[in-house]
């Protein structure tokens, strides 16, 4: 889920960088912002899923915030 949100945000940013129409660019940037907001919301309300994805992506070490 989170990876999909991040991919969608990245795609919107890519589209914004490629358009020459200012209104289209602003629309793509708003969409990217929405996907980023959804990512942050999912991280806050589904922390177990987020941690599992981050753990799988990394070396398996505990995140630094967990040590503080």
Protein backbone atom coordinates (compact mmCIF):
# COMPACT_ATOMS: atom_id res chain seq x y z
CA UNK A 1 0.00 0.00 0.00
CA UNK A 2 2.62 2.57 1.03
CA UNK A 3 4.89 1.69 -1.87
CA UNK A 4 1.99 2.22 -4.24
CA UNK A 5 1.24 5.64 -2.73
CA UNK A 6 4.89 6.64 -3.05
CA UNK A 7 5.06 5.41 -6.67
CA UNK A 8 1.93 7.41 -7.51
CA UNK A 9 3.37 10.56 -5.91
CA UNK A 10 6.62 10.10 -7.85
CA UNK A 11 4.72 9.61 -11.10
CA UNK A 12 2.72 12.81 -10.50
CA UNK A 13 5.95 14.72 -9.85
CA UNK A 14 7.42 13.29 -13.05
CA UNK A 15 4.37 14.36 -15.03
CA UNK A 16 4.50 17.84 -13.46
CA UNK A 17 8.12 18.22 -14.54
CA UNK A 18 7.32 17.26 -18.12
CA UNK A 19 4.34 19.46 -18.84
CA UNK A 20 4.66 22.95 -20.29
CA UNK A 21 1.17 24.00 -19.23
CA UNK A 22 1.20 25.79 -15.88
CA UNK A 23 -2.33 24.73 -14.94
CA UNK A 24 -1.53 21.09 -15.69
CA UNK A 25 1.69 21.37 -13.68
CA UNK A 26 -0.20 22.71 -10.66
CA UNK A 27 -2.75 19.91 -10.98
CA UNK A 28 -0.03 17.24 -11.05
CA UNK A 29 1.65 18.83 -8.02
CA UNK A 30 -1.66 18.83 -6.11
CA UNK A 31 -2.11 15.16 -6.93
CA UNK A 32 1.43 14.40 -5.74
CA UNK A 33 0.73 16.28 -2.53
CA UNK A 34 -2.42 14.22 -2.01
CA UNK A 35 -0.51 10.95 -2.44
CA UNK A 36 2.15 12.18 0.00
CA UNK A 37 -0.55 13.07 2.51
CA UNK A 38 -2.08 9.60 2.13
CA UNK A 39 1.34 8.07 2.77
CA UNK A 40 1.80 10.07 5.97
CA UNK A 41 -1.73 9.20 7.13
CA UNK A 42 -1.16 5.49 6.48
CA UNK A 43 2.13 5.64 8.37
CA UNK A 44 0.36 7.21 11.33
CA UNK A 45 -2.71 4.97 11.41
CA UNK A 46 -1.20 1.71 10.13
CA UNK A 47 2.22 1.76 11.79
CA UNK A 48 2.60 -2.02 11.91
CA UNK A 49 2.25 -2.33 8.14
CA UNK A 50 4.62 0.58 7.60
CA UNK A 51 7.24 -0.89 9.93
CA UNK A 52 6.95 -4.30 8.26
CA UNK A 53 7.54 -2.76 4.83
CA UNK A 54 10.49 -0.71 6.05
CA UNK A 55 11.97 -3.74 7.81
CA UNK A 56 11.66 -5.86 4.66
CA UNK A 57 13.29 -3.15 2.57
CA UNK A 58 16.29 -2.71 4.86
CA UNK A 59 18.84 -4.88 6.60
CA UNK A 60 16.54 -6.07 9.35
CA UNK A 61 18.02 -3.74 11.92
CA UNK A 62 15.69 -2.04 14.36
CA UNK A 63 14.82 1.48 13.25
CA UNK A 64 16.82 4.16 15.07
CA UNK A 65 13.68 5.74 16.53
CA UNK A 66 12.93 2.46 18.31
CA UNK A 67 16.18 2.74 20.23
CA UNK A 68 15.40 6.13 21.79
